[in-house]
PDB file of N, CA and C in Angstrom:
ATOM      1  N   UNK A   1       0.702  -1.225  -0.029  1.00  0.00           N
ATOM      2  CA  UNK A   1       0.079   0.015   0.147  1.00  0.00           C
ATOM      3  C   UNK A   1       0.831   1.210   0.234  1.00  0.00           C
ATOM      4  N   UNK A   2       0.688   2.460  -0.579  1.00  0.00           N
ATOM      5  CA  UNK A   2       1.124   3.182  -1.026  1.00  0.00           C
ATOM      6  C   UNK A   2       1.146   4.208   0.860  1.00  0.00           C
ATOM      7  N   UNK A   3       1.797   5.222   1.204  1.00  0.00           N
ATOM      8  CA  UNK A   3       2.306   5.642   2.312  1.00  0.00           C
ATOM      9  C   UNK A   3       2.542   6.866   1.818  1.00  0.00           C
ATOM     10  N   UNK A   4       1.860   7.983   2.569  1.00  0.00           N
ATOM     11  CA  UNK A   4       2.040   9.590   2.633  1.00  0.00           C
ATOM     12  C   UNK A   4       2.791  10.077   3.573  1.00  0.00           C
ATOM     13  N   UNK A   5       4.003  10.368   3.503  1.00  0.00           N
ATOM     14  CA  UNK A   5       4.989  11.081   3.965  1.00  0.00           C
ATOM     15  C   UNK A   5       4.903  12.548   3.846  1.00  0.00           C
ATOM     16  N   UNK A   6       5.119  13.217   4.799  1.00  0.00           N
ATOM     17  CA  UNK A   6       5.125  14.744   4.785  1.00  0.00           C
ATOM     18  C   UNK A   6       5.811  15.645   5.724  1.00  0.00           C
ATOM     19  N   UNK A   7       6.960  15.945   4.965  1.00  0.00           N
ATOM     20  CA  UNK A   7       8.225  16.528   5.475  1.00  0.00           C
ATOM     21  C   UNK A   7       7.775  17.818   6.049  1.00  0.00           C
ATOM     22  N   UNK A   8       8.048  18.395   7.860  1.00  0.00           N
ATOM     23  CA  UNK A   8       7.936  19.498   8.084  1.00  0.00           C
ATOM     24  C   UNK A   8       8.691  20.077   8.873  1.00  0.00           C
ATOM     25  N   UNK A   9       8.780  21.292  10.003  1.00  0.00           N
ATOM     26  CA  UNK A   9       9.308  21.815  10.905  1.00  0.00           C
ATOM     27  C   UNK A   9       8.774  22.519  11.588  1.00  0.00           C
ATOM     28  N   UNK A  10       9.518  22.562  12.635  1.00  0.00           N
ATOM     29  CA  UNK A  10       8.739  23.224  13.723  1.00  0.00           C
ATOM     30  C   UNK A  10       9.267  24.664  13.307  1.00  0.00           C
ATOM     31  N   UNK A  11       9.821  25.234  13.170  1.00  0.00           N
ATOM     32  CA  UNK A  11      10.758  26.661  12.513  1.00  0.00           C
ATOM     33  C   UNK A  11      10.004  27.802  12.299  1.00  0.00           C
ATOM     34  N   UNK A  12       9.910  28.707  13.639  1.00  0.00           N
ATOM     35  CA  UNK A  12       8.803  29.590  12.882  1.00  0.00           C
ATOM     36  C   UNK A  12       9.084  30.556  12.104  1.00  0.00           C
ATOM     37  N   UNK A  13       8.282  30.583  11.292  1.00  0.00           N
ATOM     38  CA  UNK A  13       8.551  32.029   9.649  1.00  0.00           C
ATOM     39  C   UNK A  13       9.403  31.731   9.044  1.00  0.00           C
ATOM     40  N   UNK A  14       9.655  30.197   8.446  1.00  0.00           N
ATOM     41  CA  UNK A  14      10.441  29.740   7.784  1.00  0.00           C
ATOM     42  C   UNK A  14      10.197  28.980   6.819  1.00  0.00           C
ATOM     43  N   UNK A  15       9.648  27.889   7.758  1.00  0.00           N
ATOM     44  CA  UNK A  15       9.322  26.709   7.347  1.00  0.00           C
ATOM     45  C   UNK A  15      10.662  25.810   6.280  1.00  0.00           C
ATOM     46  N   UNK A  16       9.925  24.635   5.655  1.00  0.00           N
ATOM     47  CA  UNK A  16      10.840  23.431   4.705  1.00  0.00           C
ATOM     48  C   UNK A  16      11.479  23.921   3.351  1.00  0.00           C
ATOM     49  N   UNK A  17      12.733  23.710   3.071  1.00  0.00           N
ATOM     50  CA  UNK A  17      12.996  23.612   2.067  1.00  0.00           C
ATOM     51  C   UNK A  17      13.696  22.256   1.682  1.00  0.00           C
ATOM     52  N   UNK A  18      13.426  21.416   1.106  1.00  0.00           N
ATOM     53  CA  UNK A  18      14.371  20.026   0.877  1.00  0.00           C
ATOM     54  C   UNK A  18      15.280  20.310  -0.516  1.00  0.00           C
ATOM     55  N   UNK A  19      15.183  21.355  -1.102  1.00  0.00           N
ATOM     56  CA  UNK A  19      16.079  21.452  -1.868  1.00  0.00           C
ATOM     57  C   UNK A  19      17.471  21.997  -2.010  1.00  0.00           C
ATOM     58  N   UNK A  20      17.537  22.666  -0.855  1.00  0.00           N
ATOM     59  CA  UNK A  20      18.836  22.788  -0.311  1.00  0.00           C
ATOM     60  C   UNK A  20      20.134  22.174  -0.456  1.00  0.00           C
ATOM     61  N   UNK A  21      19.749  21.038   0.078  1.00  0.00           N
ATOM     62  CA  UNK A  21      20.657  19.676   0.385  1.00  0.00           C
ATOM     63  C   UNK A  21      20.779  18.849  -1.145  1.00  0.00           C
ATOM     64  N   UNK A  22      21.369  18.324  -1.102  1.00  0.00           N
ATOM     65  CA  UNK A  22      21.563  17.217  -2.044  1.00  0.00           C
ATOM     66  C   UNK A  22      21.076  15.238  -1.448  1.00  0.00           C
ATOM     67  N   UNK A  23      20.696  15.836  -0.166  1.00  0.00           N
ATOM     68  CA  UNK A  23      20.470  14.600   0.677  1.00  0.00           C
ATOM     69  C   UNK A  23      18.812  15.131   0.547  1.00  0.00           C
ATOM     70  N   UNK A  24      18.651  16.021   0.874  1.00  0.00           N
ATOM     71  CA  UNK A  24      16.638  16.479   0.540  1.00  0.00           C
ATOM     72  C   UNK A  24      15.936  16.565  -0.369  1.00  0.00           C
ATOM     73  N   UNK A  25      17.240  16.913  -1.553  1.00  0.00           N
ATOM     74  CA  UNK A  25      16.293  16.893  -2.576  1.00  0.00           C
ATOM     75  C   UNK A  25      16.133  15.138  -3.188  1.00  0.00           C
ATOM     76  N   UNK A  26      17.061  14.369  -2.450  1.00  0.00           N
ATOM     77  CA  UNK A  26      17.013  13.247  -2.932  1.00  0.00           C
ATOM     78  C   UNK A  26      15.787  12.398  -2.118  1.00  0.00           C
ATOM     79  N   UNK A  27      16.042  12.911  -1.034  1.00  0.00           N
ATOM     80  CA  UNK A  27      14.430  12.015   0.229  1.00  0.00           C
ATOM     81  C   UNK A  27      12.953  12.820  -0.787  1.00  0.00           C
ATOM     82  N   UNK A  28      13.244  13.883  -1.181  1.00  0.00           N
ATOM     83  CA  UNK A  28      11.700  14.196  -1.755  1.00  0.00           C
ATOM     84  C   UNK A  28      11.393  13.810  -2.978  1.00  0.00           C
ATOM     85  N   UNK A  29      12.519  13.218  -4.023  1.00  0.00           N
ATOM     86  CA  UNK A  29      12.419  13.030  -5.222  1.00  0.00           C
ATOM     87  C   UNK A  29      12.181  11.380  -5.278  1.00  0.00           C
ATOM     88  N   UNK A  30      12.945  10.902  -4.511  1.00  0.00           N
ATOM     89  CA  UNK A  30      13.022   9.065  -4.683  1.00  0.00           C
ATOM     90  C   UNK A  30      11.843   8.724  -3.338  1.00  0.00           C
ATOM     91  N   UNK A  31      11.414   9.377  -2.555  1.00  0.00           N
ATOM     92  CA  UNK A  31      10.667   9.154  -1.653  1.00  0.00           C
ATOM     93  C   UNK A  31       8.731   9.572  -1.968  1.00  0.00           C
ATOM     94  N   UNK A  32       9.195  10.600  -2.501  1.00  0.00           N
ATOM     95  CA  UNK A  32       7.987  10.998  -2.838  1.00  0.00           C
ATOM     96  C   UNK A  32       7.405  11.824  -1.645  1.00  0.00           C
ATOM     97  N   UNK A  33       8.187  12.369  -1.353  1.00  0.00           N
ATOM     98  CA  UNK A  33       7.518  13.145   0.265  1.00  0.00           C
ATOM     99  C   UNK A  33       7.119  14.001  -0.344  1.00  0.00           C
ATOM    100  N   UNK A  34       5.795  14.962   0.687  1.00  0.00           N
ATOM    101  CA  UNK A  34       5.253  15.649   0.331  1.00  0.00           C
ATOM    102  C   UNK A  34       6.163  16.590   1.256  1.00  0.00           C
ATOM    103  N   UNK A  35       6.309  18.399   0.812  1.00  0.00           N
ATOM    104  CA  UNK A  35       7.063  18.924   1.862  1.00  0.00           C
ATOM    105  C   UNK A  35       5.912  20.461   2.407  1.00  0.00           C
ATOM    106  N   UNK A  36       5.879  20.385   3.255  1.00  0.00           N
ATOM    107  CA  UNK A  36       4.910  21.260   3.966  1.00  0.00           C
ATOM    108  C   UNK A  36       5.606  22.754   4.136  1.00  0.00           C
ATOM    109  N   UNK A  37       6.411  22.987   3.405  1.00  0.00           N
ATOM    110  CA  UNK A  37       6.911  24.208   3.590  1.00  0.00           C
ATOM    111  C   UNK A  37       6.551  25.719   4.698  1.00  0.00           C
ATOM    112  N   UNK A  38       5.833  26.372   4.379  1.00  0.00           N
ATOM    113  CA  UNK A  38       5.086  27.193   5.525  1.00  0.00           C
ATOM    114  C   UNK A  38       4.117  26.955   5.991  1.00  0.00           C
ATOM    115  N   UNK A  39       3.725  25.638   5.869  1.00  0.00           N
ATOM    116  CA  UNK A  39       2.529  25.029   6.994  1.00  0.00           C
ATOM    117  C   UNK A  39       3.014  24.656   8.122  1.00  0.00           C
ATOM    118  N   UNK A  40       1.962  25.042   9.032  1.00  0.00           N
ATOM    119  CA  UNK A  40       1.830  24.341  10.588  1.00  0.00           C
ATOM    120  C   UNK A  40       1.868  22.973  10.558  1.00  0.00           C
ATOM    121  N   UNK A  41       2.486  22.011  11.189  1.00  0.00           N
ATOM    122  CA  UNK A  41       2.391  20.929  11.930  1.00  0.00           C
ATOM    123  C   UNK A  41       0.928  20.513  12.113  1.00  0.00           C
ATOM    124  N   UNK A  42       0.024  21.576  12.942  1.00  0.00           N
ATOM    125  CA  UNK A  42      -1.433  21.369  13.014  1.00  0.00           C
ATOM    126  C   UNK A  42      -1.885  21.150  11.741  1.00  0.00           C
ATOM    127  N   UNK A  43      -1.854  22.343  10.904  1.00  0.00           N
ATOM    128  CA  UNK A  43      -2.426  22.408   9.362  1.00  0.00           C
ATOM    129  C   UNK A  43      -2.112  21.476   8.299  1.00  0.00           C
ATOM    130  N   UNK A  44      -1.125  20.649   9.009  1.00  0.00           N
ATOM    131  CA  UNK A  44      -0.646  19.373   7.855  1.00  0.00           C
ATOM    132  C   UNK A  44      -1.467  18.079   8.283  1.00  0.00           C
ATOM    133  N   UNK A  45      -1.664  17.907   9.862  1.00  0.00           N
ATOM    134  CA  UNK A  45      -2.310  16.627  10.485  1.00  0.00           C
ATOM    135  C   UNK A  45      -3.959  16.834  10.097  1.00  0.00           C
ATOM    136  N   UNK A  46      -4.662  18.305  10.041  1.00  0.00           N
ATOM    137  CA  UNK A  46      -5.780  18.690   9.863  1.00  0.00           C
ATOM    138  C   UNK A  46      -5.987  18.529   8.214  1.00  0.00           C
ATOM    139  N   UNK A  47      -5.265  18.792   7.350  1.00  0.00           N
ATOM    140  CA  UNK A  47      -5.499  18.572   5.931  1.00  0.00           C
ATOM    141  C   UNK A  47      -5.201  17.335   5.660  1.00  0.00           C
ATOM    142  N   UNK A  48      -4.146  16.376   5.835  1.00  0.00           N
ATOM    143  CA  UNK A  48      -4.289  14.926   5.923  1.00  0.00           C
ATOM    144  C   UNK A  48      -5.294  14.475   5.897  1.00  0.00           C
ATOM    145  N   UNK A  49      -5.999  14.542   7.496  1.00  0.00           N
ATOM    146  CA  UNK A  49      -7.044  13.815   7.845  1.00  0.00           C
ATOM    147  C   UNK A  49      -8.599  14.017   7.174  1.00  0.00           C
ATOM    148  N   UNK A  50      -8.290  15.294   6.425  1.00  0.00           N
ATOM    149  CA  UNK A  50      -9.061  15.398   5.350  1.00  0.00           C
ATOM    150  C   UNK A  50      -9.090  14.872   4.017  1.00  0.00           C
ATOM    151  N   UNK A  51      -8.029  15.154   3.634  1.00  0.00           N
ATOM    152  CA  UNK A  51      -7.764  14.513   2.284  1.00  0.00           C
ATOM    153  C   UNK A  51      -7.971  13.511   2.173  1.00  0.00           C
ATOM    154  N   UNK A  52      -7.409  12.956   3.008  1.00  0.00           N
ATOM    155  CA  UNK A  52      -7.234  10.888   3.322  1.00  0.00           C
ATOM    156  C   UNK A  52      -8.403  10.392   2.875  1.00  0.00           C
ATOM    157  N   UNK A  53      -9.315  11.285   3.834  1.00  0.00           N
ATOM    158  CA  UNK A  53     -10.940  10.705   3.663  1.00  0.00           C
ATOM    159  C   UNK A  53     -11.266  10.835   2.697  1.00  0.00           C
ATOM    160  N   UNK A  54     -10.985  11.546   1.419  1.00  0.00           N
ATOM    161  CA  UNK A  54     -11.264  11.793  -0.317  1.00  0.00           C
ATOM    162  C   UNK A  54     -10.792  10.653  -0.713  1.00  0.00           C
ATOM    163  N   UNK A  55     -10.013  10.703  -0.844  1.00  0.00           N
ATOM    164  CA  UNK A  55      -8.760   9.729  -1.722  1.00  0.00           C
ATOM    165  C   UNK A  55      -7.483   9.191  -1.313  1.00  0.00           C
ATOM    166  N   UNK A  56      -7.394   8.167  -1.900  1.00  0.00           N
ATOM    167  CA  UNK A  56      -5.698   7.686  -1.616  1.00  0.00           C
ATOM    168  C   UNK A  56      -4.875   7.188  -2.849  1.00  0.00           C
ATOM    169  N   UNK A  57      -5.544   8.045  -3.743  1.00  0.00           N
ATOM    170  CA  UNK A  57      -4.604   8.430  -4.928  1.00  0.00           C
ATOM    171  C   UNK A  57      -3.229   9.272  -4.936  1.00  0.00           C
ATOM    172  N   UNK A  58      -2.679   8.585  -5.173  1.00  0.00           N
ATOM    173  CA  UNK A  58      -1.177   9.127  -4.348  1.00  0.00           C
ATOM    174  C   UNK A  58      -1.051  10.925  -5.320  1.00  0.00           C
ATOM    175  N   UNK A  59      -1.534  10.772  -6.438  1.00  0.00           N
ATOM    176  CA  UNK A  59      -1.943  11.725  -7.583  1.00  0.00           C
ATOM    177  C   UNK A  59      -2.597  13.201  -7.024  1.00  0.00           C
ATOM    178  N   UNK A  60      -3.543  12.786  -6.543  1.00  0.00           N
ATOM    179  CA  UNK A  60      -4.594  13.164  -6.112  1.00  0.00           C
ATOM    180  C   UNK A  60      -4.336  13.472  -4.542  1.00  0.00           C
ATOM    181  N   UNK A  61      -4.148  13.026  -3.732  1.00  0.00           N
ATOM    182  CA  UNK A  61      -3.525  13.494  -2.388  1.00  0.00           C
ATOM    183  C   UNK A  61      -2.216  14.697  -2.626  1.00  0.00           C
ATOM    184  N   UNK A  62      -1.279  14.529  -3.376  1.00  0.00           N
ATOM    185  CA  UNK A  62      -0.570  15.456  -3.586  1.00  0.00           C
ATOM    186  C   UNK A  62      -1.142  17.010  -4.182  1.00  0.00           C
ATOM    187  N   UNK A  63      -1.807  16.907  -5.294  1.00  0.00           N
ATOM    188  CA  UNK A  63      -2.536  17.888  -5.775  1.00  0.00           C
ATOM    189  C   UNK A  63      -3.502  18.800  -4.560  1.00  0.00           C
ATOM    190  N   UNK A  64      -4.321  18.141  -3.798  1.00  0.00           N
ATOM    191  CA  UNK A  64      -4.968  18.327  -2.951  1.00  0.00           C
ATOM    192  C   UNK A  64      -3.985  19.162  -1.659  1.00  0.00           C
ATOM    193  N   UNK A  65      -3.314  18.485  -1.292  1.00  0.00           N
ATOM    194  CA  UNK A  65      -2.197  18.356  -0.175  1.00  0.00           C
ATOM    195  C   UNK A  65      -1.572  20.397  -0.702  1.00  0.00           C
ATOM    196  N   UNK A  66      -1.499  20.694  -1.702  1.00  0.00           N
ATOM    197  CA  UNK A  66      -0.865  22.099  -2.458  1.00  0.00           C
ATOM    198  C   UNK A  66      -1.954  22.751  -2.920  1.00  0.00           C
ATOM    199  N   UNK A  67      -3.064  22.753  -2.823  1.00  0.00           N
ATOM    200  CA  UNK A  67      -4.093  23.322  -3.071  1.00  0.00           C
ATOM    201  C   UNK A  67      -4.307  24.185  -1.782  1.00  0.00           C
ATOM    202  N   UNK A  68      -4.138  25.588  -1.711  1.00  0.00           N
ATOM    203  CA  UNK A  68      -4.681  26.121  -0.583  1.00  0.00           C
ATOM    204  C   UNK A  68      -5.557  26.103   0.329  1.00  0.00           C
ATOM    205  N   UNK A  69      -5.970  26.101   1.622  1.00  0.00           N
ATOM    206  CA  UNK A  69      -7.383  26.369   2.046  1.00  0.00           C
ATOM    207  C   UNK A  69      -7.076  27.330   3.061  1.00  0.00           C
ATOM    208  N   UNK A  70      -8.146  28.144   2.906  1.00  0.00           N
ATOM    209  CA  UNK A  70      -7.919  29.435   4.009  1.00  0.00           C
ATOM    210  C   UNK A  70      -6.220  30.030   4.137  1.00  0.00           C
ATOM    211  N   UNK A  71      -5.398  29.781   3.133  1.00  0.00           N
ATOM    212  CA  UNK A  71      -4.163  30.633   3.642  1.00  0.00           C
ATOM    213  C   UNK A  71      -2.908  29.177   3.947  1.00  0.00           C
ATOM    214  N   UNK A  72      -3.610  27.888   4.300  1.00  0.00           N
ATOM    215  CA  UNK A  72      -2.462  26.966   5.011  1.00  0.00           C
ATOM    216  C   UNK A  72      -1.527  26.684   4.417  1.00  0.00           C
ATOM    217  N   UNK A  73      -0.917  26.973   2.983  1.00  0.00           N
ATOM    218  CA  UNK A  73       0.042  27.130   2.265  1.00  0.00           C
ATOM    219  C   UNK A  73       0.267  28.091   1.492  1.00  0.00           C
ATOM    220  N   UNK A  74       1.363  29.045   1.601  1.00  0.00           N
ATOM    221  CA  UNK A  74       1.502  29.628   0.499  1.00  0.00           C
ATOM    222  C   UNK A  74       2.685  29.347  -0.058  1.00  0.00           C
ATOM    223  N   UNK A  75       3.942  29.047  -0.179  1.00  0.00           N
ATOM    224  CA  UNK A  75       5.358  28.874  -0.333  1.00  0.00           C
ATOM    225  C   UNK A  75       5.155  27.637  -1.729  1.00  0.00           C
ATOM    226  N   UNK A  76       4.532  26.924  -1.528  1.00  0.00           N
ATOM    227  CA  UNK A  76       4.435  25.610  -2.142  1.00  0.00           C
ATOM    228  C   UNK A  76       3.554  25.481  -2.788  1.00  0.00           C
ATOM    229  N   UNK A  77       2.708  26.202  -2.829  1.00  0.00           N
ATOM    230  CA  UNK A  77       1.141  26.101  -4.022  1.00  0.00           C
ATOM    231  C   UNK A  77       1.474  26.201  -5.272  1.00  0.00           C
ATOM    232  N   UNK A  78       2.476  26.776  -5.672  1.00  0.00           N
ATOM    233  CA  UNK A  78       2.701  26.247  -7.433  1.00  0.00           C
ATOM    234  C   UNK A  78       3.368  25.517  -8.172  1.00  0.00           C
ATOM    235  N   UNK A  79       3.200  24.600  -6.806  1.00  0.00           N
ATOM    236  CA  UNK A  79       3.680  22.847  -7.581  1.00  0.00           C
ATOM    237  C   UNK A  79       2.546  22.211  -8.068  1.00  0.00           C
TER     238      UNK A  79
END
């Protein structure tokens, strides 16, 4: 079964950026991680609970995860 993995951080006002280092780039691309960017951990959990109830298709999960809801994600929304 497919697993959904999200990389997030607790650093305020910065968010995550896995493309900065080679290891992060490969983690994101090889494992197909979703990156939380500027979403809070609480927003990530709530959004995943909502969208995983709608679908288990990995492409749809990614699309919905990066779709802003009440400005929960701003930096990575252009994906």
